[in-house]
Protein backbone atom coordinates (compact mmCIF):
# COMPACT_ATOMS: atom_id res chain seq x y z
CA MET A 1 -50.97 -63.11 -62.11
CA PRO A 2 -48.47 -63.80 -59.43
CA GLN A 3 -49.17 -66.16 -56.90
CA ARG A 4 -50.19 -64.42 -53.40
CA ARG A 5 -48.09 -65.81 -50.59
CA ARG A 6 -50.08 -67.40 -47.61
CA ILE A 7 -49.26 -66.52 -44.23
CA PRO A 8 -48.53 -69.17 -41.91
CA PRO A 9 -51.33 -69.67 -39.24
CA SER A 10 -48.70 -69.28 -36.57
CA LEU A 11 -47.85 -65.72 -37.83
CA ARG A 12 -51.35 -64.66 -38.35
CA ALA A 13 -52.36 -65.46 -34.79
CA LEU A 14 -49.04 -63.53 -33.65
CA LEU A 15 -50.25 -60.47 -35.86
CA VAL A 16 -53.86 -60.24 -34.46
CA LEU A 17 -52.39 -60.78 -30.76
CA VAL A 18 -50.35 -57.71 -31.53
CA VAL A 19 -53.13 -55.69 -33.01
CA VAL A 20 -55.43 -56.61 -29.87
CA VAL A 21 -52.67 -55.39 -27.47
CA ALA A 22 -51.72 -52.32 -29.31
CA VAL A 23 -55.58 -51.47 -29.37
CA VAL A 24 -55.85 -52.22 -25.46
CA GLY A 25 -52.93 -50.25 -24.67
CA VAL A 26 -54.23 -47.20 -26.37
CA GLY A 27 -57.40 -47.84 -24.60
CA LEU A 28 -56.12 -48.04 -21.13
CA VAL A 29 -53.80 -44.93 -21.93
CA ALA A 30 -56.89 -43.00 -23.04
CA ARG A 31 -58.61 -44.20 -20.01
CA ASP A 32 -55.96 -43.07 -17.78
CA TRP A 33 -55.71 -39.69 -19.34
CA TRP A 34 -59.62 -39.11 -19.21
CA GLN A 35 -59.72 -40.31 -15.37
CA ASP A 36 -56.86 -37.86 -14.66
CA ARG A 37 -58.70 -35.23 -16.58
CA ASP A 38 -62.44 -35.59 -15.01
CA ASP A 39 -64.36 -38.82 -14.07
CA CYS A 40 -65.34 -36.90 -10.95
CA GLY A 41 -68.66 -35.82 -12.11
CA ASP A 42 -68.37 -32.27 -11.08
CA ALA A 43 -69.90 -29.53 -13.22
CA GLU A 44 -68.60 -26.82 -10.97
CA GLY A 45 -64.97 -28.00 -11.01
CA GLY A 46 -64.58 -27.84 -7.35
CA VAL A 47 -63.58 -31.37 -7.64
CA LYS A 48 -60.59 -33.27 -9.38
CA ARG A 49 -59.13 -36.82 -9.98
CA SER A 50 -55.55 -36.83 -8.76
CA GLN A 51 -53.52 -39.71 -7.64
CA GLY A 52 -56.26 -42.06 -8.52
CA GLU A 53 -58.86 -40.64 -6.20
CA CYS A 54 -61.30 -37.67 -6.23
CA VAL A 55 -60.62 -34.66 -4.12
CA GLY A 56 -62.06 -31.07 -3.55
CA VAL A 57 -65.27 -29.52 -2.90
CA THR A 58 -68.89 -30.04 -3.68
CA ASP A 59 -72.37 -29.23 -2.95
CA GLY A 60 -73.20 -32.97 -3.15
CA SER A 61 -73.74 -33.11 -7.12
CA ALA A 62 -70.38 -34.56 -7.80
CA ARG A 63 -70.01 -38.34 -8.10
CA PRO A 64 -69.85 -39.74 -4.63
CA PHE A 65 -66.14 -39.99 -3.15
CA ASP A 66 -67.00 -43.26 -1.98
CA THR A 67 -69.96 -45.68 -2.98
CA ALA A 68 -70.42 -46.07 0.64
CA LEU A 69 -70.97 -42.35 0.89
CA LYS A 70 -73.63 -42.05 -1.88
CA GLY A 71 -76.72 -41.91 0.12
CA ILE A 72 -75.74 -39.42 2.59
CA GLN A 73 -73.93 -37.25 -0.05
CA GLU A 74 -77.45 -37.25 -2.33
CA LYS A 75 -79.32 -36.42 0.98
CA ILE A 76 -77.00 -33.38 1.67
CA PHE A 77 -77.31 -32.25 -2.11
CA ALA A 78 -80.87 -32.30 -1.55
CA GLU A 79 -81.11 -30.10 1.29
CA ASN A 80 -78.50 -27.73 -0.35
CA ARG A 81 -80.76 -27.74 -3.37
CA HIS A 82 -83.66 -26.82 -0.97
CA VAL A 83 -82.02 -24.13 0.39
CA ASP A 84 -80.84 -22.60 -2.84
CA SER A 85 -84.62 -22.83 -3.92
CA MET A 86 -85.49 -20.26 -1.02
CA LYS A 87 -86.18 -16.85 -2.09
CA GLY A 88 -85.75 -13.55 0.25
CA VAL A 89 -83.92 -15.73 3.00
CA ARG A 90 -80.37 -15.04 4.09
CA LYS A 91 -77.90 -18.32 3.58
CA ALA A 92 -74.57 -19.28 5.01
CA THR A 93 -72.27 -22.13 3.68
CA ILE A 94 -70.07 -24.34 6.04
CA ALA A 95 -67.60 -26.71 4.56
CA TYR A 96 -67.05 -30.02 6.57
CA LEU A 97 -63.70 -31.15 5.49
CA ALA A 98 -62.41 -34.81 6.11
CA PRO A 99 -60.72 -37.75 4.46
CA MET A 100 -63.59 -39.26 2.27
CA THR A 101 -61.63 -41.43 0.10
CA VAL A 102 -60.16 -43.63 2.92
CA THR A 103 -57.25 -46.25 2.41
CA ALA A 104 -56.11 -49.02 4.79
CA LYS A 105 -53.58 -46.41 6.00
CA ASP A 106 -56.11 -44.04 7.60
CA PRO A 107 -56.65 -44.15 11.30
CA VAL A 108 -60.72 -43.63 10.24
CA THR A 109 -62.70 -45.88 8.59
CA THR A 110 -65.34 -45.20 5.67
CA ALA A 111 -68.00 -46.26 7.71
CA GLU A 112 -66.78 -43.49 10.30
CA VAL A 113 -66.87 -41.10 7.77
CA ARG A 114 -70.33 -41.87 6.92
CA HIS A 115 -71.54 -41.47 10.35
CA GLU A 116 -69.54 -37.92 10.25
CA LEU A 117 -71.85 -36.87 7.28
CA GLU A 118 -74.98 -38.17 8.77
CA GLY A 119 -74.52 -36.34 11.81
CA ALA A 120 -73.32 -32.98 9.73
CA TYR A 121 -76.55 -33.63 7.84
CA ILE A 122 -78.76 -34.02 10.99
CA ALA A 123 -77.54 -30.78 12.37
CA GLN A 124 -78.04 -29.12 8.76
CA LEU A 125 -81.76 -30.29 8.93
CA LEU A 126 -82.25 -29.26 12.34
CA LEU A 127 -80.87 -25.79 12.05
CA ASN A 128 -83.04 -25.04 8.74
CA GLU A 129 -86.23 -25.89 10.43
CA ARG A 130 -88.84 -23.34 10.96
CA SER A 131 -87.74 -20.68 13.63
CA SER A 132 -90.53 -21.91 15.90
CA ASP A 133 -93.48 -24.67 16.18
CA THR A 134 -96.11 -22.01 15.30
CA ALA A 135 -94.35 -20.13 12.37
CA ASP A 136 -93.63 -20.80 9.02
CA VAL A 137 -90.72 -18.24 8.84
CA PRO A 138 -87.43 -20.33 8.37
CA ALA A 139 -84.40 -19.66 10.63
CA GLU A 140 -81.81 -17.64 9.14
CA PRO A 141 -79.50 -17.64 7.72
CA GLN A 142 -80.27 -21.14 6.09
CA ILE A 143 -77.31 -23.53 6.46
CA LYS A 144 -75.52 -25.08 3.33
CA ILE A 145 -72.92 -27.74 3.83
CA LEU A 146 -70.62 -28.34 1.17
CA LEU A 147 -68.35 -31.67 1.34
CA ALA A 148 -64.56 -31.16 1.44
CA ASN A 149 -62.55 -34.55 0.52
CA SER A 150 -59.02 -33.77 1.75
CA GLY A 151 -57.98 -37.33 0.26
CA GLY A 152 -56.82 -40.79 1.84
CA GLU A 153 -54.50 -39.63 4.81
CA SER A 154 -55.60 -36.12 4.06
CA ARG A 155 -52.47 -35.96 1.58
CA GLN A 156 -54.22 -33.85 -0.98
CA TRP A 157 -55.47 -31.04 1.45
CA GLN A 158 -53.69 -28.33 -0.67
CA HIS A 159 -56.01 -28.81 -3.29
CA THR A 160 -59.09 -28.89 -1.13
CA VAL A 161 -58.13 -25.94 1.26
CA ALA A 162 -57.36 -24.11 -1.98
CA GLU A 163 -60.65 -24.37 -3.13
CA ILE A 164 -62.17 -23.59 0.09
CA ALA A 165 -60.39 -20.22 0.05
CA ARG A 166 -61.71 -19.66 -3.63
CA ARG A 167 -65.18 -19.78 -2.22
CA ASP A 168 -66.12 -16.47 -0.73
CA ASN A 169 -69.67 -17.78 0.22
CA ILE A 170 -67.74 -20.33 2.66
CA VAL A 171 -67.57 -18.66 6.08
CA ALA A 172 -66.49 -21.48 8.42
CA VAL A 173 -64.94 -25.20 8.04
CA ALA A 174 -66.12 -28.30 10.61
CA GLY A 175 -64.92 -31.54 10.89
CA LEU A 176 -61.23 -31.32 9.81
CA GLY A 177 -60.58 -35.07 10.14
CA PRO A 178 -58.20 -36.95 12.75
CA SER A 179 -55.18 -35.97 14.46
CA THR A 180 -52.75 -36.87 11.59
CA GLU A 181 -49.94 -34.88 9.98
CA GLY A 182 -52.12 -34.06 6.75
CA SER A 183 -54.79 -32.62 8.76
CA ARG A 184 -52.45 -30.37 11.02
CA ALA A 185 -51.03 -29.34 7.63
CA ALA A 186 -54.50 -28.38 6.37
CA MET A 187 -55.35 -26.67 9.79
CA ALA A 188 -52.37 -24.77 9.42
CA ARG A 189 -53.08 -23.42 6.17
CA LEU A 190 -56.82 -22.68 6.98
CA ALA A 191 -55.24 -20.61 10.17
CA GLU A 192 -53.09 -18.49 7.79
CA LEU A 193 -55.96 -17.93 5.48
CA GLN A 194 -58.19 -16.83 8.45
CA ILE A 195 -60.99 -19.01 7.88
CA PRO A 196 -62.73 -20.23 11.04
CA MET A 197 -62.47 -24.02 12.02
CA VAL A 198 -64.62 -26.13 14.20
CA GLY A 199 -62.79 -29.54 14.79
CA SER A 200 -65.09 -32.40 15.52
CA ILE A 201 -62.65 -35.38 16.49
CA ILE A 202 -59.27 -33.78 16.99
CA THR A 203 -57.96 -34.92 20.39
CA ALA A 204 -54.16 -34.12 19.89
CA THR A 205 -53.66 -31.74 22.69
CA ASP A 206 -51.47 -29.30 20.50
CA ILE A 207 -51.96 -28.79 17.11
CA LEU A 208 -48.85 -26.84 15.51
CA GLY A 209 -49.26 -24.23 12.91
CA ALA A 210 -46.75 -23.38 10.07
CA ASP A 211 -44.47 -21.33 12.90
CA LYS A 212 -44.30 -24.34 15.08
CA ARG A 213 -46.47 -22.53 17.75
CA PRO A 214 -49.70 -24.21 18.99
CA LEU A 215 -52.95 -23.26 17.00
CA ASP A 216 -55.36 -21.63 19.27
CA ALA A 217 -58.52 -19.32 18.91
CA ARG A 218 -56.45 -16.44 17.99
CA ASP A 219 -55.87 -18.58 14.83
CA GLY A 220 -59.51 -19.38 14.16
CA LEU A 221 -59.12 -22.97 15.49
CA PHE A 222 -62.03 -24.39 17.91
CA ARG A 223 -62.23 -27.73 19.22
CA ILE A 224 -65.34 -29.76 20.59
CA ALA A 225 -63.78 -32.93 21.38
CA PRO A 226 -61.61 -33.33 24.77
CA THR A 227 -57.92 -33.43 24.29
CA ASN A 228 -55.61 -36.33 25.00
CA ALA A 229 -54.76 -34.75 27.97
CA ASP A 230 -58.22 -34.52 29.32
CA GLU A 231 -58.76 -38.29 28.00
CA VAL A 232 -55.63 -39.64 29.89
CA ASP A 233 -56.54 -37.78 33.07
CA ALA A 234 -60.03 -39.07 33.02
CA VAL A 235 -59.25 -42.64 32.35
CA LEU A 236 -56.58 -42.68 35.00
CA LYS A 237 -59.05 -41.66 37.39
CA ALA A 238 -61.70 -44.02 36.32
CA VAL A 239 -59.26 -47.01 35.92
CA PRO A 240 -56.23 -46.60 38.21
CA PRO A 241 -53.22 -48.87 37.80
CA LYS A 242 -53.34 -51.95 39.37
CA GLY A 243 -50.42 -54.61 39.06
CA LYS A 244 -47.44 -54.26 36.94
CA PRO A 245 -48.00 -50.75 34.73
CA PHE A 246 -46.69 -50.71 31.21
CA LEU A 247 -46.51 -48.38 28.42
CA ILE A 248 -47.19 -49.67 24.95
CA GLN A 249 -46.28 -46.82 22.48
CA ASP A 250 -46.05 -46.40 18.66
CA ASN A 251 -43.00 -44.47 18.06
CA ASN A 252 -44.15 -43.15 14.50
CA ARG A 253 -43.70 -39.43 14.75
CA ARG A 254 -46.19 -38.74 11.99
CA ASP A 255 -48.91 -39.91 13.82
CA ILE A 256 -49.62 -36.95 16.10
CA TYR A 257 -52.59 -38.80 18.06
CA ALA A 258 -50.14 -41.64 19.33
CA GLN A 259 -47.19 -39.36 20.02
CA ASP A 260 -49.35 -36.97 22.13
CA LEU A 261 -51.19 -39.50 23.75
CA ALA A 262 -47.81 -41.42 24.99
CA HIS A 263 -46.49 -37.87 26.16
CA ARG A 264 -49.74 -36.99 28.24
CA PHE A 265 -49.27 -40.45 29.90
CA ARG A 266 -45.46 -40.07 30.80
CA ALA A 267 -46.67 -36.43 32.20
CA ALA A 268 -48.98 -38.39 34.79
CA ARG A 269 -45.92 -40.13 36.37
CA ILE A 270 -46.99 -43.40 37.15
CA PRO A 271 -44.22 -44.99 39.39
CA ASN A 272 -42.36 -47.94 37.63
CA VAL A 273 -43.78 -48.31 34.20
CA GLN A 274 -42.11 -50.53 31.68
CA THR A 275 -42.39 -49.06 28.25
CA GLU A 276 -42.61 -51.43 25.24
CA SER A 277 -42.64 -49.68 21.84
CA TYR A 278 -43.34 -50.52 18.35
CA ILE A 279 -43.30 -48.48 15.00
CA THR A 280 -46.08 -48.40 12.39
CA ASP A 281 -45.18 -48.39 8.51
CA GLN A 282 -46.44 -46.15 5.74
CA GLU A 283 -49.20 -48.76 5.81
CA GLY A 284 -50.12 -48.07 9.33
CA ARG A 285 -49.14 -51.62 10.22
CA PRO A 286 -46.45 -52.47 12.91
CA ALA A 287 -43.31 -52.80 10.89
CA GLY A 288 -41.04 -56.00 11.01
CA GLY A 289 -43.76 -58.17 11.56
CA ASN A 290 -45.91 -58.84 14.45
CA PRO A 291 -44.01 -56.93 17.65
CA PHE A 292 -47.07 -57.93 19.86
CA LEU A 293 -45.98 -61.49 19.68
CA TRP A 294 -42.59 -60.32 21.31
CA MET A 295 -44.09 -58.01 24.10
CA ARG A 296 -46.41 -61.07 24.95
CA ALA A 297 -43.07 -62.58 26.68
CA GLN A 298 -42.45 -59.35 28.51
CA ILE A 299 -46.14 -59.07 29.87
CA CYS A 300 -46.86 -62.51 30.70
CA GLY A 301 -44.92 -62.42 33.71
CA GLY A 302 -47.42 -64.27 36.24
CA GLN A 303 -48.47 -61.21 38.19
CA ASP A 304 -51.43 -58.97 37.13
CA THR A 305 -50.76 -56.31 34.59
CA TRP A 306 -52.26 -52.87 33.55
CA LEU A 307 -51.58 -51.37 30.10
CA PHE A 308 -51.97 -48.13 29.02
CA PHE A 309 -51.82 -48.46 25.00
CA ALA A 310 -50.80 -45.26 23.08
CA GLY A 311 -51.37 -46.23 19.64
CA ARG A 312 -54.49 -46.51 17.16
CA GLY A 313 -57.13 -48.97 17.68
CA LYS A 314 -56.17 -51.24 14.55
CA GLN A 315 -52.92 -52.01 16.45
CA LEU A 316 -54.29 -52.49 19.85
CA GLN A 317 -56.85 -55.10 18.01
CA ALA A 318 -53.78 -56.82 16.51
CA MET A 319 -52.52 -57.01 20.24
CA LEU A 320 -55.81 -58.56 21.56
CA GLU A 321 -55.70 -61.11 18.58
CA VAL A 322 -52.03 -62.27 19.78
CA PHE A 323 -53.52 -62.69 23.26
CA ALA A 324 -56.67 -64.61 22.08
CA ASP A 325 -54.07 -67.27 20.49
CA ASN A 326 -51.75 -67.06 23.10
CA PRO A 327 -53.30 -66.01 26.51
CA CYS A 328 -51.38 -65.14 30.00
CA ALA A 329 -52.11 -68.36 31.83
CA GLY A 330 -54.01 -67.33 35.27
CA GLN A 331 -53.01 -63.59 34.68
CA ASN A 332 -55.52 -60.75 34.99
CA ILE A 333 -54.62 -57.94 32.27
CA THR A 334 -56.20 -54.47 32.40
CA ILE A 335 -55.91 -52.48 29.14
CA VAL A 336 -56.75 -48.71 29.07
CA SER A 337 -56.49 -46.57 26.18
CA GLY A 338 -57.73 -43.05 24.04
CA ASP A 339 -60.77 -42.67 21.96
CA ASP A 340 -59.17 -44.17 18.61
CA ALA A 341 -59.81 -47.74 20.68
CA LEU A 342 -63.48 -47.42 18.74
CA ASN A 343 -61.89 -48.80 15.64
CA ILE A 344 -61.62 -52.25 17.25
CA ASP A 345 -63.87 -54.58 15.78
CA TRP A 346 -65.35 -56.32 18.94
CA THR A 347 -67.46 -58.72 16.73
CA ASN A 348 -64.23 -60.18 15.75
CA GLN A 349 -63.85 -63.70 17.13
CA LYS A 350 -60.58 -63.44 18.24
CA VAL A 351 -61.35 -59.95 19.75
CA LYS A 352 -64.10 -61.72 21.77
CA THR A 353 -61.91 -64.69 22.82
CA ALA A 354 -59.26 -62.28 23.98
CA LEU A 355 -61.83 -60.40 26.09
CA SER A 356 -63.41 -63.71 27.54
CA GLN A 357 -59.70 -64.66 28.90
CA ARG A 358 -59.38 -62.33 32.00
CA ILE A 359 -58.64 -59.51 29.85
CA THR A 360 -60.56 -55.99 30.20
CA LEU A 361 -60.48 -53.22 27.97
CA ARG A 362 -61.71 -49.57 28.77
CA TYR A 363 -60.97 -46.35 26.92
CA ALA A 364 -62.13 -42.53 27.08
CA GLY A 365 -64.36 -42.33 24.25
CA LEU A 366 -65.59 -39.26 22.36
CA ALA A 367 -69.35 -39.51 22.90
CA HIS A 368 -71.80 -42.61 22.95
CA PRO A 369 -75.56 -42.84 22.56
CA GLN A 370 -76.08 -44.36 26.32
CA GLN A 371 -73.82 -41.95 28.03
CA TRP A 372 -76.89 -39.79 28.87
CA LEU A 373 -78.62 -42.79 30.78
CA LYS A 374 -76.10 -41.95 33.50
CA LEU A 375 -76.99 -38.18 33.51
CA PRO A 376 -80.62 -37.94 32.05
CA GLN A 377 -80.67 -34.29 33.20
CA PHE A 378 -78.24 -33.51 30.14
CA GLY A 379 -79.91 -35.73 27.56
CA GLU A 380 -82.21 -33.37 25.90
CA PRO A 381 -80.14 -32.18 22.94
CA PHE A 382 -79.28 -35.80 22.31
CA THR A 383 -83.02 -36.92 22.44
CA ARG A 384 -83.66 -34.46 19.66
CA PHE A 385 -80.72 -35.57 17.61
CA ARG A 386 -81.45 -39.14 17.84
CA THR A 387 -85.31 -38.51 16.83
CA LYS A 388 -84.14 -36.72 13.78
CA HIS A 389 -81.57 -39.69 13.34
CA GLU A 390 -84.41 -42.20 13.40
CA GLN A 391 -86.81 -40.28 11.27
CA HIS A 392 -84.08 -40.59 8.24
CA GLN A 393 -83.84 -44.37 8.68
CA PHE A 394 -80.23 -44.19 9.78
CA LYS A 395 -78.96 -47.24 11.59
CA PRO A 396 -78.96 -47.05 15.40
CA ASP A 397 -75.57 -48.69 15.52
CA ASP A 398 -74.31 -45.97 13.37
CA LEU A 399 -74.23 -43.81 16.61
CA VAL A 400 -72.42 -46.27 18.76
CA ASP A 401 -68.65 -44.82 17.79
CA GLY A 402 -70.09 -41.38 18.54
CA THR A 403 -68.47 -39.79 15.33
CA SER A 404 -72.03 -38.65 14.19
CA MET A 405 -72.60 -36.88 17.36
CA MET A 406 -69.31 -35.22 17.13
CA ALA A 407 -69.76 -34.10 13.77
CA HIS A 408 -73.62 -32.70 14.44
CA ASP A 409 -72.18 -30.73 17.37
CA ALA A 410 -69.16 -29.40 15.35
CA VAL A 411 -71.65 -28.03 12.69
CA LEU A 412 -74.07 -26.78 15.35
CA THR A 413 -71.15 -25.02 16.93
CA ALA A 414 -70.15 -23.27 13.64
CA ALA A 415 -73.81 -22.39 12.66
CA SER A 416 -74.59 -20.81 16.35
CA ALA A 417 -71.68 -18.41 15.73
CA ILE A 418 -73.05 -17.72 12.06
CA ARG A 419 -76.37 -17.04 13.55
CA ASN A 420 -75.02 -14.94 16.30
CA ALA A 421 -73.19 -12.81 13.74
CA SER A 422 -74.65 -9.62 12.35
CA SER A 423 -76.89 -9.68 9.18
CA ASN A 424 -74.18 -9.57 6.78
CA VAL A 425 -72.21 -12.90 7.67
CA SER A 426 -68.65 -13.00 7.18
CA LYS A 427 -65.53 -15.21 8.32
CA GLU A 428 -64.37 -12.33 10.55
CA GLY A 429 -67.96 -12.16 12.14
CA VAL A 430 -67.98 -15.94 12.77
CA LEU A 431 -64.73 -15.84 14.54
CA GLY A 432 -65.88 -12.91 16.68
CA MET A 433 -69.02 -14.87 17.69
CA LEU A 434 -67.09 -18.18 18.12
CA LEU A 435 -65.07 -16.25 20.71
CA GLN A 436 -68.21 -15.63 22.72
CA LEU A 437 -69.65 -19.31 22.93
CA HIS A 438 -68.51 -20.10 26.55
CA GLY A 439 -70.36 -19.63 30.11
CA ARG A 440 -73.73 -18.80 29.58
CA ASN A 441 -73.47 -18.56 25.80
CA HIS A 442 -72.33 -22.14 25.55
CA VAL A 443 -73.69 -24.46 22.87
CA GLN A 444 -75.60 -27.66 24.32
CA GLY A 445 -74.63 -30.32 21.86
CA ALA A 446 -75.86 -34.16 21.68
CA SER A 447 -72.45 -34.89 23.03
CA GLY A 448 -72.58 -32.70 25.91
CA ARG A 449 -71.86 -28.85 27.01
CA ILE A 450 -69.45 -26.94 24.33
CA ASP A 451 -68.16 -24.26 26.50
CA LEU A 452 -65.10 -22.83 24.47
CA ASP A 453 -62.00 -21.31 25.91
CA THR A 454 -61.55 -18.10 24.60
CA THR A 455 -57.71 -18.25 24.25
CA THR A 456 -56.90 -22.06 23.42
CA GLY A 457 -60.12 -22.57 21.59
CA LYS A 458 -60.38 -26.10 23.22
CA VAL A 459 -63.99 -27.28 24.94
CA THR A 460 -63.68 -26.89 28.93
CA ASN A 461 -64.97 -29.68 31.09
CA LYS A 462 -66.39 -31.69 28.34
CA ALA A 463 -68.32 -34.95 29.07
CA ILE A 464 -65.90 -37.86 28.42
CA PRO A 465 -67.51 -41.55 28.34
CA ILE A 466 -65.45 -44.21 29.72
CA LEU A 467 -66.26 -47.16 27.51
CA GLN A 468 -65.51 -50.96 28.16
CA ILE A 469 -65.42 -53.34 25.16
CA THR A 470 -66.87 -56.75 25.93
CA PRO A 471 -67.55 -59.68 23.99
CA ARG A 472 -70.84 -58.66 23.71
CA GLY A 473 -70.28 -54.99 22.62
CA VAL A 474 -69.57 -51.57 23.91
CA ARG A 475 -70.96 -50.28 27.29
CA VAL A 476 -70.63 -47.20 29.34
CA ASP A 477 -69.00 -47.63 32.58
CA THR A 478 -69.28 -44.13 33.73
CA VAL A 479 -69.29 -40.36 32.50
CA ALA A 480 -66.31 -38.22 33.52
CA PHE A 481 -65.56 -34.42 33.61
CA PRO A 482 -61.97 -32.86 33.65
CA THR A 483 -63.17 -31.10 36.68
CA GLY A 484 -64.75 -33.81 38.47
CA LYS A 485 -68.09 -32.86 37.95
CA PRO A 486 -70.59 -31.30 35.25
CA THR A 487 -70.64 -27.53 34.61
């Protein structure tokens, strides 16, 4: 019998390693193939995995778009199932479109998206309650809400919009996300498809369609948030320039919000304004290091200064952190900005330090739970909203950024048009009724009166809370109106 050759221990170990690596490699390939193929837990097929995230449309039954959204997604699914179970009752469906798989590049946070969905859910519950306190007859049509995720930065809007268009039961789209290029492209396509839209937090004064013409009511786009033009006008009246005026602007052309905010400020023609610019990269961070360190040398000149910040709240926070470490000695600095300043984390220690060193920061907000303390005669719709919010044990702090109130009002506005339409609800009928929501037919929302211009589709004379961020939190200074007084 021939003698077997023994494999040296070192070679044996190498062979084992090769086999292990091969098995792991095959497993990783299989995993990636499976994730690209499915992994989103959607039996209806409206959600797919693409570029590492689940995007598309679901009634809430799919795997949560983000773990932080699990609770609210389950609540919306339960209400949708309740509506489905009702017999002999007319039903209508609204898609709530937003980037729900948020990345560091997005101007919104996952918490804000969760707050939006909470507001949409509260609107759904209030709308689906009985038609009166004494009747068991449900209000009709009962409202279903589908969650439509356009992906981080709304980059994957094409699939989601196509899925919305595929579903004949969707008669309106609410939400639409922030003023970004991805959101703009989605709105332009929805306009081409003639699907009515009600934006919740869009503030860019003009949203350009595929033909580079501003979208308006004729395209089916209606908006319940004040525009950047309204915000700039309100904040300039509330906090007029005092001292040396500066414009700090983001030159990133893809950020529609920042570009429009700077444009609207320049249109105000404030004399002797010194402009300082930076540009954000693809990650949403200032390119080339920290430009605010260099701007500090321009700003700290000894005399009091007034800064209009035309950029995102995340970048404004970065500037505050620079002043926390290197304050302008003996100099008062007043900073004003638009609604994206809600993204500043006032609990951040450096932010608190900066705001304790002769720096004041005010901005034009979208909504705030304390704004009606200033005008209690208009607060009843918010009280109803807040009561339902509390009943479902959502946190009071979830209301502070105002996005929950805005989402509630966007869904409420779309549903008002649905219920005012004829018994056979259609997209065309909803568009026709959205055109009627003005004057005496306005919608009274949690964030204020919603009176839609029948040409531009923009809300008119909307309440704008002027908010101040302090070391102890966010407070309401006053409530402004574009015409100077409430309608």
